[in-house]
């Protein structure tokens, strides 16, 4: 299996993990604030936003875990 983190150095993995954490926060924020601005709770967009946010968070966590093992 090909592991993308093997072709990055430690600094690149750290920066990519930070970027993915920021994207995760942004998507979660947009999912919640978007529903608040609309004045109604669209459960489908909320579920999609939170699940996408969790996927980015897991990706960042995995990259960060590989960085800490070195």
Protein backbone atom coordinates (compact mmCIF):
# COMPACT_ATOMS: atom_id res chain seq x y z
CA UNK A 1 0.00 0.00 0.00
CA UNK A 2 1.30 3.47 -0.90
CA UNK A 3 1.66 5.87 2.00
CA UNK A 4 1.69 9.56 1.04
CA UNK A 5 3.45 10.54 4.25
CA UNK A 6 6.59 8.61 3.26
CA UNK A 7 7.38 11.06 0.46
CA UNK A 8 7.13 14.10 2.78
CA UNK A 9 9.65 15.31 5.28
CA UNK A 10 8.66 16.02 8.90
CA UNK A 11 8.04 19.74 8.37
CA UNK A 12 5.80 19.09 5.36
CA UNK A 13 3.74 16.56 7.30
CA UNK A 14 3.37 19.00 10.22
CA UNK A 15 2.25 21.82 7.91
CA UNK A 16 -0.14 19.57 6.02
CA UNK A 17 -1.65 18.32 9.29
CA UNK A 18 -2.17 21.93 10.46
CA UNK A 19 -3.79 22.77 7.12
CA UNK A 20 -6.14 19.79 7.33
CA UNK A 21 -7.08 20.72 10.91
CA UNK A 22 -7.92 24.24 9.72
CA UNK A 23 -10.03 22.91 6.85
CA UNK A 24 -11.82 20.62 9.30
CA UNK A 25 -12.65 23.54 11.57
CA UNK A 26 -13.77 25.67 8.63
CA UNK A 27 -16.14 23.06 7.25
CA UNK A 28 -17.66 22.40 10.68
CA UNK A 29 -18.08 26.14 11.20
CA UNK A 30 -19.73 26.61 7.82
CA UNK A 31 -22.09 23.71 8.43
CA UNK A 32 -23.29 25.13 11.75
CA UNK A 33 -23.23 28.85 10.93
CA UNK A 34 -24.84 28.24 7.53
CA UNK A 35 -27.81 26.64 9.24
CA UNK A 36 -28.01 29.44 11.82
CA UNK A 37 -28.00 32.13 9.13
CA UNK A 38 -30.75 30.36 7.19
CA UNK A 39 -32.85 30.23 10.34
CA UNK A 40 -33.66 26.57 9.87
CA UNK A 41 -31.74 23.37 10.46
CA UNK A 42 -31.11 21.42 7.28
CA UNK A 43 -30.12 18.09 8.78
CA UNK A 44 -28.64 16.76 5.51
CA UNK A 45 -26.18 19.64 5.13
CA UNK A 46 -25.33 19.44 8.82
CA UNK A 47 -24.59 15.71 8.60
CA UNK A 48 -22.57 16.18 5.40
CA UNK A 49 -20.58 19.07 6.90
CA UNK A 50 -19.81 17.29 10.15
CA UNK A 51 -18.88 14.01 8.44
CA UNK A 52 -16.59 15.83 5.98
CA UNK A 53 -15.04 17.71 8.86
CA UNK A 54 -14.40 14.45 10.70
CA UNK A 55 -12.73 12.95 7.61
CA UNK A 56 -10.33 15.89 7.34
CA UNK A 57 -9.64 15.70 11.07
CA UNK A 58 -8.80 12.00 10.84
CA UNK A 59 -6.47 12.67 7.90
CA UNK A 60 -4.66 15.36 9.89
CA UNK A 61 -4.47 13.10 12.93
CA UNK A 62 -2.93 10.28 10.91
CA UNK A 63 -0.33 12.62 9.41
CA UNK A 64 0.48 14.04 12.83
CA UNK A 65 0.76 10.56 14.34
CA UNK A 66 3.35 9.63 11.68
CA UNK A 67 5.27 12.81 12.48
CA UNK A 68 5.37 12.03 16.21
CA UNK A 69 6.69 8.50 15.62
CA UNK A 70 9.95 9.79 14.12
